[in-house]
PDB file of N, CA and C in Angstrom:
ATOM      1  N   MET A   1      -2.079 -15.359   4.132  1.00  0.00           N
ATOM      2  CA  MET A   1      -2.165 -13.927   4.324  1.00  0.00           C
ATOM      3  C   MET A   1      -2.052 -13.638   5.818  1.00  0.00           C
ATOM      4  N   ARG A   2      -1.357 -12.571   6.149  1.00  0.00           N
ATOM      5  CA  ARG A   2      -1.178 -12.148   7.544  1.00  0.00           C
ATOM      6  C   ARG A   2      -1.650 -10.704   7.659  1.00  0.00           C
ATOM      7  N   LEU A   3      -2.533 -10.448   8.620  1.00  0.00           N
ATOM      8  CA  LEU A   3      -3.080  -9.105   8.835  1.00  0.00           C
ATOM      9  C   LEU A   3      -2.734  -8.611  10.229  1.00  0.00           C
ATOM     10  N   PHE A   4      -2.509  -7.321  10.344  1.00  0.00           N
ATOM     11  CA  PHE A   4      -2.283  -6.663  11.630  1.00  0.00           C
ATOM     12  C   PHE A   4      -3.480  -5.761  11.868  1.00  0.00           C
ATOM     13  N   LEU A   5      -4.229  -6.022  12.937  1.00  0.00           N
ATOM     14  CA  LEU A   5      -5.441  -5.250  13.245  1.00  0.00           C
ATOM     15  C   LEU A   5      -5.247  -4.451  14.523  1.00  0.00           C
ATOM     16  N   ILE A   6      -5.859  -3.270  14.569  1.00  0.00           N
ATOM     17  CA  ILE A   6      -5.808  -2.433  15.763  1.00  0.00           C
ATOM     18  C   ILE A   6      -7.219  -1.984  16.117  1.00  0.00           C
ATOM     19  N   ALA A   7      -7.647  -2.338  17.335  1.00  0.00           N
ATOM     20  CA  ALA A   7      -8.916  -1.866  17.882  1.00  0.00           C
ATOM     21  C   ALA A   7      -8.654  -1.411  19.310  1.00  0.00           C
ATOM     22  N   GLY A   8      -9.209  -0.277  19.679  1.00  0.00           N
ATOM     23  CA  GLY A   8      -8.949   0.271  21.009  1.00  0.00           C
ATOM     24  C   GLY A   8     -10.183   0.451  21.866  1.00  0.00           C
ATOM     25  N   GLU A   9     -11.336   0.061  21.360  1.00  0.00           N
ATOM     26  CA  GLU A   9     -12.593   0.241  22.102  1.00  0.00           C
ATOM     27  C   GLU A   9     -13.439  -1.016  21.951  1.00  0.00           C
ATOM     28  N   PRO A  10     -14.363  -1.260  22.879  1.00  0.00           N
ATOM     29  CA  PRO A  10     -15.211  -2.467  22.777  1.00  0.00           C
ATOM     30  C   PRO A  10     -15.964  -2.594  21.458  1.00  0.00           C
ATOM     31  N   SER A  11     -16.457  -1.484  20.922  1.00  0.00           N
ATOM     32  CA  SER A  11     -17.167  -1.573  19.635  1.00  0.00           C
ATOM     33  C   SER A  11     -16.214  -1.984  18.515  1.00  0.00           C
ATOM     34  N   GLY A  12     -14.993  -1.498  18.547  1.00  0.00           N
ATOM     35  CA  GLY A  12     -13.992  -1.893  17.570  1.00  0.00           C
ATOM     36  C   GLY A  12     -13.579  -3.340  17.733  1.00  0.00           C
ATOM     37  N   ASP A  13     -13.556  -3.808  18.978  1.00  0.00           N
ATOM     38  CA  ASP A  13     -13.252  -5.211  19.247  1.00  0.00           C
ATOM     39  C   ASP A  13     -14.312  -6.106  18.610  1.00  0.00           C
ATOM     40  N   ALA A  14     -15.577  -5.707  18.726  1.00  0.00           N
ATOM     41  CA  ALA A  14     -16.673  -6.492  18.124  1.00  0.00           C
ATOM     42  C   ALA A  14     -16.574  -6.485  16.605  1.00  0.00           C
ATOM     43  N   LEU A  15     -16.300  -5.318  16.021  1.00  0.00           N
ATOM     44  CA  LEU A  15     -16.149  -5.232  14.564  1.00  0.00           C
ATOM     45  C   LEU A  15     -14.949  -6.048  14.083  1.00  0.00           C
ATOM     46  N   GLY A  16     -13.856  -5.945  14.800  1.00  0.00           N
ATOM     47  CA  GLY A  16     -12.663  -6.690  14.433  1.00  0.00           C
ATOM     48  C   GLY A  16     -12.880  -8.191  14.515  1.00  0.00           C
ATOM     49  N   ALA A  17     -13.570  -8.643  15.558  1.00  0.00           N
ATOM     50  CA  ALA A  17     -13.851 -10.073  15.703  1.00  0.00           C
ATOM     51  C   ALA A  17     -14.731 -10.571  14.560  1.00  0.00           C
ATOM     52  N   ALA A  18     -15.722  -9.787  14.177  1.00  0.00           N
ATOM     53  CA  ALA A  18     -16.595 -10.175  13.062  1.00  0.00           C
ATOM     54  C   ALA A  18     -15.794 -10.235  11.755  1.00  0.00           C
ATOM     55  N   LEU A  19     -14.904  -9.263  11.543  1.00  0.00           N
ATOM     56  CA  LEU A  19     -14.057  -9.265  10.361  1.00  0.00           C
ATOM     57  C   LEU A  19     -13.168 -10.504  10.346  1.00  0.00           C
ATOM     58  N   MET A  20     -12.571 -10.804  11.478  1.00  0.00           N
ATOM     59  CA  MET A  20     -11.689 -11.969  11.568  1.00  0.00           C
ATOM     60  C   MET A  20     -12.456 -13.261  11.279  1.00  0.00           C
ATOM     61  N   ALA A  21     -13.644 -13.399  11.849  1.00  0.00           N
ATOM     62  CA  ALA A  21     -14.448 -14.610  11.624  1.00  0.00           C
ATOM     63  C   ALA A  21     -14.792 -14.750  10.147  1.00  0.00           C
ATOM     64  N   GLY A  22     -15.177 -13.651   9.520  1.00  0.00           N
ATOM     65  CA  GLY A  22     -15.520 -13.688   8.106  1.00  0.00           C
ATOM     66  C   GLY A  22     -14.329 -14.033   7.228  1.00  0.00           C
ATOM     67  N   LEU A  23     -13.175 -13.455   7.534  1.00  0.00           N
ATOM     68  CA  LEU A  23     -11.983 -13.747   6.755  1.00  0.00           C
ATOM     69  C   LEU A  23     -11.529 -15.187   6.932  1.00  0.00           C
ATOM     70  N   LYS A  24     -11.646 -15.701   8.170  1.00  0.00           N
ATOM     71  CA  LYS A  24     -11.277 -17.100   8.404  1.00  0.00           C
ATOM     72  C   LYS A  24     -12.192 -18.051   7.645  1.00  0.00           C
ATOM     73  N   ALA A  25     -13.460 -17.679   7.491  1.00  0.00           N
ATOM     74  CA  ALA A  25     -14.388 -18.521   6.727  1.00  0.00           C
ATOM     75  C   ALA A  25     -14.004 -18.553   5.249  1.00  0.00           C
ATOM     76  N   LEU A  26     -13.492 -17.434   4.739  1.00  0.00           N
ATOM     77  CA  LEU A  26     -13.092 -17.349   3.332  1.00  0.00           C
ATOM     78  C   LEU A  26     -11.694 -17.904   3.078  1.00  0.00           C
ATOM     79  N   ALA A  27     -10.806 -17.689   4.027  1.00  0.00           N
ATOM     80  CA  ALA A  27      -9.402 -18.104   3.873  1.00  0.00           C
ATOM     81  C   ALA A  27      -8.901 -18.627   5.215  1.00  0.00           C
ATOM     82  N   PRO A  28      -9.114 -19.906   5.494  1.00  0.00           N
ATOM     83  CA  PRO A  28      -8.767 -20.466   6.808  1.00  0.00           C
ATOM     84  C   PRO A  28      -7.308 -20.270   7.222  1.00  0.00           C
ATOM     85  N   ALA A  29      -6.407 -20.060   6.281  1.00  0.00           N
ATOM     86  CA  ALA A  29      -4.989 -19.915   6.607  1.00  0.00           C
ATOM     87  C   ALA A  29      -4.610 -18.492   7.026  1.00  0.00           C
ATOM     88  N   VAL A  30      -5.554 -17.568   7.025  1.00  0.00           N
ATOM     89  CA  VAL A  30      -5.247 -16.183   7.378  1.00  0.00           C
ATOM     90  C   VAL A  30      -4.760 -16.125   8.827  1.00  0.00           C
ATOM     91  N   GLY A  31      -3.764 -15.275   9.056  1.00  0.00           N
ATOM     92  CA  GLY A  31      -3.219 -15.095  10.399  1.00  0.00           C
ATOM     93  C   GLY A  31      -3.413 -13.666  10.861  1.00  0.00           C
ATOM     94  N   PHE A  32      -3.481 -13.489  12.173  1.00  0.00           N
ATOM     95  CA  PHE A  32      -3.754 -12.167  12.735  1.00  0.00           C
ATOM     96  C   PHE A  32      -2.756 -11.829  13.829  1.00  0.00           C
ATOM     97  N   ALA A  33      -2.384 -10.568  13.872  1.00  0.00           N
ATOM     98  CA  ALA A  33      -1.587 -10.010  14.954  1.00  0.00           C
ATOM     99  C   ALA A  33      -2.146  -8.623  15.206  1.00  0.00           C
ATOM    100  N   GLY A  34      -1.794  -8.017  16.335  1.00  0.00           N
ATOM    101  CA  GLY A  34      -2.227  -6.651  16.573  1.00  0.00           C
ATOM    102  C   GLY A  34      -2.649  -6.367  17.987  1.00  0.00           C
ATOM    103  N   VAL A  35      -3.587  -5.425  18.096  1.00  0.00           N
ATOM    104  CA  VAL A  35      -4.123  -4.985  19.378  1.00  0.00           C
ATOM    105  C   VAL A  35      -5.631  -5.138  19.325  1.00  0.00           C
ATOM    106  N   GLY A  36      -6.168  -5.843  20.284  1.00  0.00           N
ATOM    107  CA  GLY A  36      -7.614  -6.050  20.335  1.00  0.00           C
ATOM    108  C   GLY A  36      -8.039  -6.502  21.717  1.00  0.00           C
ATOM    109  N   GLY A  37      -9.323  -6.670  21.851  1.00  0.00           N
ATOM    110  CA  GLY A  37      -9.892  -7.069  23.125  1.00  0.00           C
ATOM    111  C   GLY A  37     -10.252  -8.548  23.161  1.00  0.00           C
ATOM    112  N   PRO A  38     -11.089  -8.911  24.107  1.00  0.00           N
ATOM    113  CA  PRO A  38     -11.406 -10.325  24.309  1.00  0.00           C
ATOM    114  C   PRO A  38     -12.111 -10.988  23.130  1.00  0.00           C
ATOM    115  N   LEU A  39     -12.915 -10.255  22.386  1.00  0.00           N
ATOM    116  CA  LEU A  39     -13.605 -10.862  21.246  1.00  0.00           C
ATOM    117  C   LEU A  39     -12.635 -11.187  20.112  1.00  0.00           C
ATOM    118  N   MET A  40     -11.704 -10.277  19.859  1.00  0.00           N
ATOM    119  CA  MET A  40     -10.702 -10.537  18.825  1.00  0.00           C
ATOM    120  C   MET A  40      -9.750 -11.640  19.274  1.00  0.00           C
ATOM    121  N   GLN A  41      -9.443 -11.664  20.545  1.00  0.00           N
ATOM    122  CA  GLN A  41      -8.586 -12.726  21.066  1.00  0.00           C
ATOM    123  C   GLN A  41      -9.276 -14.079  20.948  1.00  0.00           C
ATOM    124  N   ALA A  42     -10.574 -14.107  21.151  1.00  0.00           N
ATOM    125  CA  ALA A  42     -11.329 -15.355  21.011  1.00  0.00           C
ATOM    126  C   ALA A  42     -11.309 -15.855  19.568  1.00  0.00           C
ATOM    127  N   GLU A  43     -11.099 -14.953  18.616  1.00  0.00           N
ATOM    128  CA  GLU A  43     -11.007 -15.333  17.203  1.00  0.00           C
ATOM    129  C   GLU A  43      -9.592 -15.737  16.807  1.00  0.00           C
ATOM    130  N   GLY A  44      -8.663 -15.672  17.761  1.00  0.00           N
ATOM    131  CA  GLY A  44      -7.325 -16.179  17.491  1.00  0.00           C
ATOM    132  C   GLY A  44      -6.204 -15.165  17.459  1.00  0.00           C
ATOM    133  N   MET A  45      -6.459 -13.930  17.820  1.00  0.00           N
ATOM    134  CA  MET A  45      -5.394 -12.933  17.828  1.00  0.00           C
ATOM    135  C   MET A  45      -4.826 -12.800  19.228  1.00  0.00           C
ATOM    136  N   GLU A  46      -3.514 -12.841  19.327  1.00  0.00           N
ATOM    137  CA  GLU A  46      -2.862 -12.555  20.593  1.00  0.00           C
ATOM    138  C   GLU A  46      -2.570 -11.057  20.618  1.00  0.00           C
ATOM    139  N   SER A  47      -3.215 -10.343  21.527  1.00  0.00           N
ATOM    140  CA  SER A  47      -3.065  -8.892  21.558  1.00  0.00           C
ATOM    141  C   SER A  47      -1.679  -8.508  22.063  1.00  0.00           C
ATOM    142  N   LEU A  48      -1.098  -7.528  21.416  1.00  0.00           N
ATOM    143  CA  LEU A  48       0.213  -7.017  21.776  1.00  0.00           C
ATOM    144  C   LEU A  48       0.228  -6.484  23.210  1.00  0.00           C
ATOM    145  N   PHE A  49      -0.854  -5.858  23.611  1.00  0.00           N
ATOM    146  CA  PHE A  49      -1.044  -5.348  24.968  1.00  0.00           C
ATOM    147  C   PHE A  49      -2.539  -5.180  25.182  1.00  0.00           C
ATOM    148  N   PRO A  50      -2.978  -4.961  26.427  1.00  0.00           N
ATOM    149  CA  PRO A  50      -4.415  -4.822  26.675  1.00  0.00           C
ATOM    150  C   PRO A  50      -5.022  -3.646  25.902  1.00  0.00           C
ATOM    151  N   MET A  51      -6.090  -3.919  25.203  1.00  0.00           N
ATOM    152  CA  MET A  51      -6.782  -2.906  24.414  1.00  0.00           C
ATOM    153  C   MET A  51      -7.166  -1.700  25.284  1.00  0.00           C
ATOM    154  N   GLU A  52      -7.454  -1.936  26.533  1.00  0.00           N
ATOM    155  CA  GLU A  52      -7.890  -0.873  27.443  1.00  0.00           C
ATOM    156  C   GLU A  52      -6.824   0.205  27.624  1.00  0.00           C
ATOM    157  N   ASP A  53      -5.565  -0.101  27.296  1.00  0.00           N
ATOM    158  CA  ASP A  53      -4.516   0.914  27.385  1.00  0.00           C
ATOM    159  C   ASP A  53      -4.787   2.100  26.462  1.00  0.00           C
ATOM    160  N   LEU A  54      -5.602   1.886  25.434  1.00  0.00           N
ATOM    161  CA  LEU A  54      -5.896   2.948  24.471  1.00  0.00           C
ATOM    162  C   LEU A  54      -7.157   3.731  24.813  1.00  0.00           C
ATOM    163  N   SER A  55      -7.880   3.285  25.809  1.00  0.00           N
ATOM    164  CA  SER A  55      -9.168   3.901  26.144  1.00  0.00           C
ATOM    165  C   SER A  55      -8.965   5.122  27.031  1.00  0.00           C
ATOM    166  N   VAL A  56      -8.692   6.243  26.408  1.00  0.00           N
ATOM    167  CA  VAL A  56      -8.566   7.513  27.127  1.00  0.00           C
ATOM    168  C   VAL A  56      -9.352   8.568  26.369  1.00  0.00           C
ATOM    169  N   MET A  57      -9.977   9.450  27.117  1.00  0.00           N
ATOM    170  CA  MET A  57     -10.750  10.530  26.498  1.00  0.00           C
ATOM    171  C   MET A  57     -10.465  11.828  27.231  1.00  0.00           C
ATOM    172  N   GLY A  58     -10.267  12.853  26.482  1.00  0.00           N
ATOM    173  CA  GLY A  58     -10.097  14.173  27.069  1.00  0.00           C
ATOM    174  C   GLY A  58      -8.694  14.392  27.615  1.00  0.00           C
ATOM    175  N   LEU A  59      -8.348  15.636  27.722  1.00  0.00           N
ATOM    176  CA  LEU A  59      -7.020  16.039  28.167  1.00  0.00           C
ATOM    177  C   LEU A  59      -6.712  15.541  29.572  1.00  0.00           C
ATOM    178  N   ALA A  60      -7.701  15.534  30.441  1.00  0.00           N
ATOM    179  CA  ALA A  60      -7.474  15.115  31.827  1.00  0.00           C
ATOM    180  C   ALA A  60      -7.042  13.659  31.923  1.00  0.00           C
ATOM    181  N   GLU A  61      -7.500  12.818  31.005  1.00  0.00           N
ATOM    182  CA  GLU A  61      -7.094  11.409  31.004  1.00  0.00           C
ATOM    183  C   GLU A  61      -5.812  11.200  30.213  1.00  0.00           C
ATOM    184  N   ILE A  62      -5.593  12.001  29.184  1.00  0.00           N
ATOM    185  CA  ILE A  62      -4.433  11.805  28.319  1.00  0.00           C
ATOM    186  C   ILE A  62      -3.139  12.249  28.993  1.00  0.00           C
ATOM    187  N   LEU A  63      -3.150  13.402  29.632  1.00  0.00           N
ATOM    188  CA  LEU A  63      -1.912  13.938  30.198  1.00  0.00           C
ATOM    189  C   LEU A  63      -1.194  12.974  31.135  1.00  0.00           C
ATOM    190  N   PRO A  64      -1.876  12.357  32.104  1.00  0.00           N
ATOM    191  CA  PRO A  64      -1.147  11.441  32.984  1.00  0.00           C
ATOM    192  C   PRO A  64      -0.637  10.190  32.264  1.00  0.00           C
ATOM    193  N   LYS A  65      -1.225   9.850  31.143  1.00  0.00           N
ATOM    194  CA  LYS A  65      -0.845   8.634  30.408  1.00  0.00           C
ATOM    195  C   LYS A  65      -0.027   8.943  29.162  1.00  0.00           C
ATOM    196  N   TYR A  66       0.399  10.167  28.988  1.00  0.00           N
ATOM    197  CA  TYR A  66       1.071  10.597  27.761  1.00  0.00           C
ATOM    198  C   TYR A  66       2.267   9.707  27.402  1.00  0.00           C
ATOM    199  N   PHE A  67       3.187   9.532  28.343  1.00  0.00           N
ATOM    200  CA  PHE A  67       4.397   8.763  28.047  1.00  0.00           C
ATOM    201  C   PHE A  67       4.078   7.287  27.832  1.00  0.00           C
ATOM    202  N   HIS A  68       3.101   6.782  28.541  1.00  0.00           N
ATOM    203  CA  HIS A  68       2.663   5.392  28.356  1.00  0.00           C
ATOM    204  C   HIS A  68       2.078   5.211  26.949  1.00  0.00           C
ATOM    205  N   LEU A  69       1.259   6.153  26.500  1.00  0.00           N
ATOM    206  CA  LEU A  69       0.680   6.083  25.155  1.00  0.00           C
ATOM    207  C   LEU A  69       1.754   6.199  24.077  1.00  0.00           C
ATOM    208  N   LYS A  70       2.730   7.079  24.290  1.00  0.00           N
ATOM    209  CA  LYS A  70       3.832   7.198  23.328  1.00  0.00           C
ATOM    210  C   LYS A  70       4.597   5.886  23.222  1.00  0.00           C
ATOM    211  N   ARG A  71       4.795   5.216  24.349  1.00  0.00           N
ATOM    212  CA  ARG A  71       5.475   3.920  24.344  1.00  0.00           C
ATOM    213  C   ARG A  71       4.652   2.884  23.578  1.00  0.00           C
ATOM    214  N   ARG A  72       3.326   2.901  23.776  1.00  0.00           N
ATOM    215  CA  ARG A  72       2.451   1.960  23.062  1.00  0.00           C
ATOM    216  C   ARG A  72       2.443   2.240  21.555  1.00  0.00           C
ATOM    217  N   ILE A  73       2.514   3.501  21.169  1.00  0.00           N
ATOM    218  CA  ILE A  73       2.584   3.857  19.746  1.00  0.00           C
ATOM    219  C   ILE A  73       3.860   3.270  19.141  1.00  0.00           C
ATOM    220  N   ARG A  74       4.981   3.504  19.797  1.00  0.00           N
ATOM    221  CA  ARG A  74       6.261   2.988  19.304  1.00  0.00           C
ATOM    222  C   ARG A  74       6.265   1.454  19.290  1.00  0.00           C
ATOM    223  N   GLN A  75       5.757   0.845  20.348  1.00  0.00           N
ATOM    224  CA  GLN A  75       5.693  -0.615  20.441  1.00  0.00           C
ATOM    225  C   GLN A  75       4.863  -1.208  19.296  1.00  0.00           C
ATOM    226  N   THR A  76       3.739  -0.577  18.993  1.00  0.00           N
ATOM    227  CA  THR A  76       2.863  -1.079  17.932  1.00  0.00           C
ATOM    228  C   THR A  76       3.513  -0.911  16.564  1.00  0.00           C
ATOM    229  N   ALA A  77       4.141   0.231  16.324  1.00  0.00           N
ATOM    230  CA  ALA A  77       4.828   0.454  15.042  1.00  0.00           C
ATOM    231  C   ALA A  77       5.949  -0.558  14.853  1.00  0.00           C
ATOM    232  N   GLU A  78       6.693  -0.835  15.905  1.00  0.00           N
ATOM    233  CA  GLU A  78       7.768  -1.828  15.821  1.00  0.00           C
ATOM    234  C   GLU A  78       7.209  -3.224  15.569  1.00  0.00           C
ATOM    235  N   ALA A  79       6.086  -3.543  16.182  1.00  0.00           N
ATOM    236  CA  ALA A  79       5.457  -4.853  15.974  1.00  0.00           C
ATOM    237  C   ALA A  79       4.991  -5.015  14.529  1.00  0.00           C
ATOM    238  N   ILE A  80       4.483  -3.939  13.941  1.00  0.00           N
ATOM    239  CA  ILE A  80       4.071  -3.990  12.527  1.00  0.00           C
ATOM    240  C   ILE A  80       5.292  -4.259  11.652  1.00  0.00           C
ATOM    241  N   ALA A  81       6.380  -3.561  11.927  1.00  0.00           N
ATOM    242  CA  ALA A  81       7.595  -3.752  11.128  1.00  0.00           C
ATOM    243  C   ALA A  81       8.102  -5.189  11.248  1.00  0.00           C
ATOM    244  N   ARG A  82       8.091  -5.738  12.456  1.00  0.00           N
ATOM    245  CA  ARG A  82       8.547  -7.124  12.659  1.00  0.00           C
ATOM    246  C   ARG A  82       7.629  -8.134  11.978  1.00  0.00           C
ATOM    247  N   ALA A  83       6.327  -7.913  12.072  1.00  0.00           N
ATOM    248  CA  ALA A  83       5.357  -8.871  11.527  1.00  0.00           C
ATOM    249  C   ALA A  83       5.309  -8.833  10.006  1.00  0.00           C
ATOM    250  N   ALA A  84       5.660  -7.699   9.422  1.00  0.00           N
ATOM    251  CA  ALA A  84       5.591  -7.521   7.967  1.00  0.00           C
ATOM    252  C   ALA A  84       4.279  -8.068   7.402  1.00  0.00           C
ATOM    253  N   PRO A  85       3.140  -7.545   7.887  1.00  0.00           N
ATOM    254  CA  PRO A  85       1.851  -8.079   7.429  1.00  0.00           C
ATOM    255  C   PRO A  85       1.543  -7.690   5.991  1.00  0.00           C
ATOM    256  N   ASP A  86       0.610  -8.419   5.408  1.00  0.00           N
ATOM    257  CA  ASP A  86       0.148  -8.074   4.070  1.00  0.00           C
ATOM    258  C   ASP A  86      -0.680  -6.796   4.089  1.00  0.00           C
ATOM    259  N   ALA A  87      -1.338  -6.531   5.205  1.00  0.00           N
ATOM    260  CA  ALA A  87      -2.149  -5.314   5.355  1.00  0.00           C
ATOM    261  C   ALA A  87      -2.293  -4.978   6.829  1.00  0.00           C
ATOM    262  N   VAL A  88      -2.481  -3.698   7.102  1.00  0.00           N
ATOM    263  CA  VAL A  88      -2.787  -3.206   8.446  1.00  0.00           C
ATOM    264  C   VAL A  88      -4.209  -2.678   8.403  1.00  0.00           C
ATOM    265  N   VAL A  89      -5.043  -3.137   9.336  1.00  0.00           N
ATOM    266  CA  VAL A  89      -6.439  -2.716   9.404  1.00  0.00           C
ATOM    267  C   VAL A  89      -6.630  -1.959  10.713  1.00  0.00           C
ATOM    268  N   THR A  90      -6.921  -0.663  10.606  1.00  0.00           N
ATOM    269  CA  THR A  90      -7.218   0.127  11.799  1.00  0.00           C
ATOM    270  C   THR A  90      -8.732   0.266  11.894  1.00  0.00           C
ATOM    271  N   ILE A  91      -9.263  -0.043  13.057  1.00  0.00           N
ATOM    272  CA  ILE A  91     -10.716  -0.108  13.201  1.00  0.00           C
ATOM    273  C   ILE A  91     -11.271   1.139  13.887  1.00  0.00           C
ATOM    274  N   ASP A  92     -10.588   1.621  14.881  1.00  0.00           N
ATOM    275  CA  ASP A  92     -11.028   2.821  15.597  1.00  0.00           C
ATOM    276  C   ASP A  92      -9.787   3.503  16.174  1.00  0.00           C
ATOM    277  N   SER A  93      -9.952   4.339  17.163  1.00  0.00           N
ATOM    278  CA  SER A  93      -8.825   5.037  17.801  1.00  0.00           C
ATOM    279  C   SER A  93      -7.929   5.732  16.771  1.00  0.00           C
ATOM    280  N   PRO A  94      -8.516   6.624  15.969  1.00  0.00           N
ATOM    281  CA  PRO A  94      -7.737   7.244  14.888  1.00  0.00           C
ATOM    282  C   PRO A  94      -6.523   8.034  15.370  1.00  0.00           C
ATOM    283  N   ASP A  95      -6.608   8.686  16.511  1.00  0.00           N
ATOM    284  CA  ASP A  95      -5.450   9.452  16.990  1.00  0.00           C
ATOM    285  C   ASP A  95      -4.268   8.529  17.245  1.00  0.00           C
ATOM    286  N   PHE A  96      -4.521   7.381  17.817  1.00  0.00           N
ATOM    287  CA  PHE A  96      -3.477   6.390  18.052  1.00  0.00           C
ATOM    288  C   PHE A  96      -3.002   5.790  16.730  1.00  0.00           C
ATOM    289  N   CYS A  97      -3.933   5.315  15.926  1.00  0.00           N
ATOM    290  CA  CYS A  97      -3.592   4.589  14.700  1.00  0.00           C
ATOM    291  C   CYS A  97      -2.816   5.440  13.707  1.00  0.00           C
ATOM    292  N   LEU A  98      -3.196   6.684  13.526  1.00  0.00           N
ATOM    293  CA  LEU A  98      -2.483   7.539  12.575  1.00  0.00           C
ATOM    294  C   LEU A  98      -1.047   7.782  13.020  1.00  0.00           C
ATOM    295  N   ARG A  99      -0.827   7.892  14.313  1.00  0.00           N
ATOM    296  CA  ARG A  99       0.536   8.058  14.823  1.00  0.00           C
ATOM    297  C   ARG A  99       1.349   6.776  14.625  1.00  0.00           C
ATOM    298  N   VAL A 100       0.712   5.636  14.843  1.00  0.00           N
ATOM    299  CA  VAL A 100       1.387   4.353  14.612  1.00  0.00           C
ATOM    300  C   VAL A 100       1.783   4.224  13.146  1.00  0.00           C
ATOM    301  N   LEU A 101       0.848   4.490  12.254  1.00  0.00           N
ATOM    302  CA  LEU A 101       1.118   4.327  10.825  1.00  0.00           C
ATOM    303  C   LEU A 101       2.187   5.292  10.330  1.00  0.00           C
ATOM    304  N   ALA A 102       2.293   6.451  10.933  1.00  0.00           N
ATOM    305  CA  ALA A 102       3.332   7.400  10.542  1.00  0.00           C
ATOM    306  C   ALA A 102       4.726   6.860  10.876  1.00  0.00           C
ATOM    307  N   LEU A 103       4.820   6.025  11.904  1.00  0.00           N
ATOM    308  CA  LEU A 103       6.104   5.453  12.306  1.00  0.00           C
ATOM    309  C   LEU A 103       6.399   4.118  11.641  1.00  0.00           C
ATOM    310  N   ALA A 104       5.358   3.393  11.276  1.00  0.00           N
ATOM    311  CA  ALA A 104       5.547   2.015  10.762  1.00  0.00           C
ATOM    312  C   ALA A 104       6.114   2.007   9.359  1.00  0.00           C
TER     313      ALA A 104
END
């Protein structure tokens, strides 16, 4: 089984890492791809880009990063299409994740 996970905040990274550890205990052959932080990476996922790229709050932070975020949305949707995972698990960052899923 291959899963694509997306976490954009430290709390989501912790939840994602716990999920990955639990799934590996049940099915050692499970594979992971996606976006995550250091805890998820420690569980074996190579993050598509630094999770911190998604950490923006409020209009003042979003506006200067708008085009960068749009690029990350497109990049993530394309990565999902290439990976053809059995499932996509979005953990947090709903504004980002819903836009990704609309394109994937």
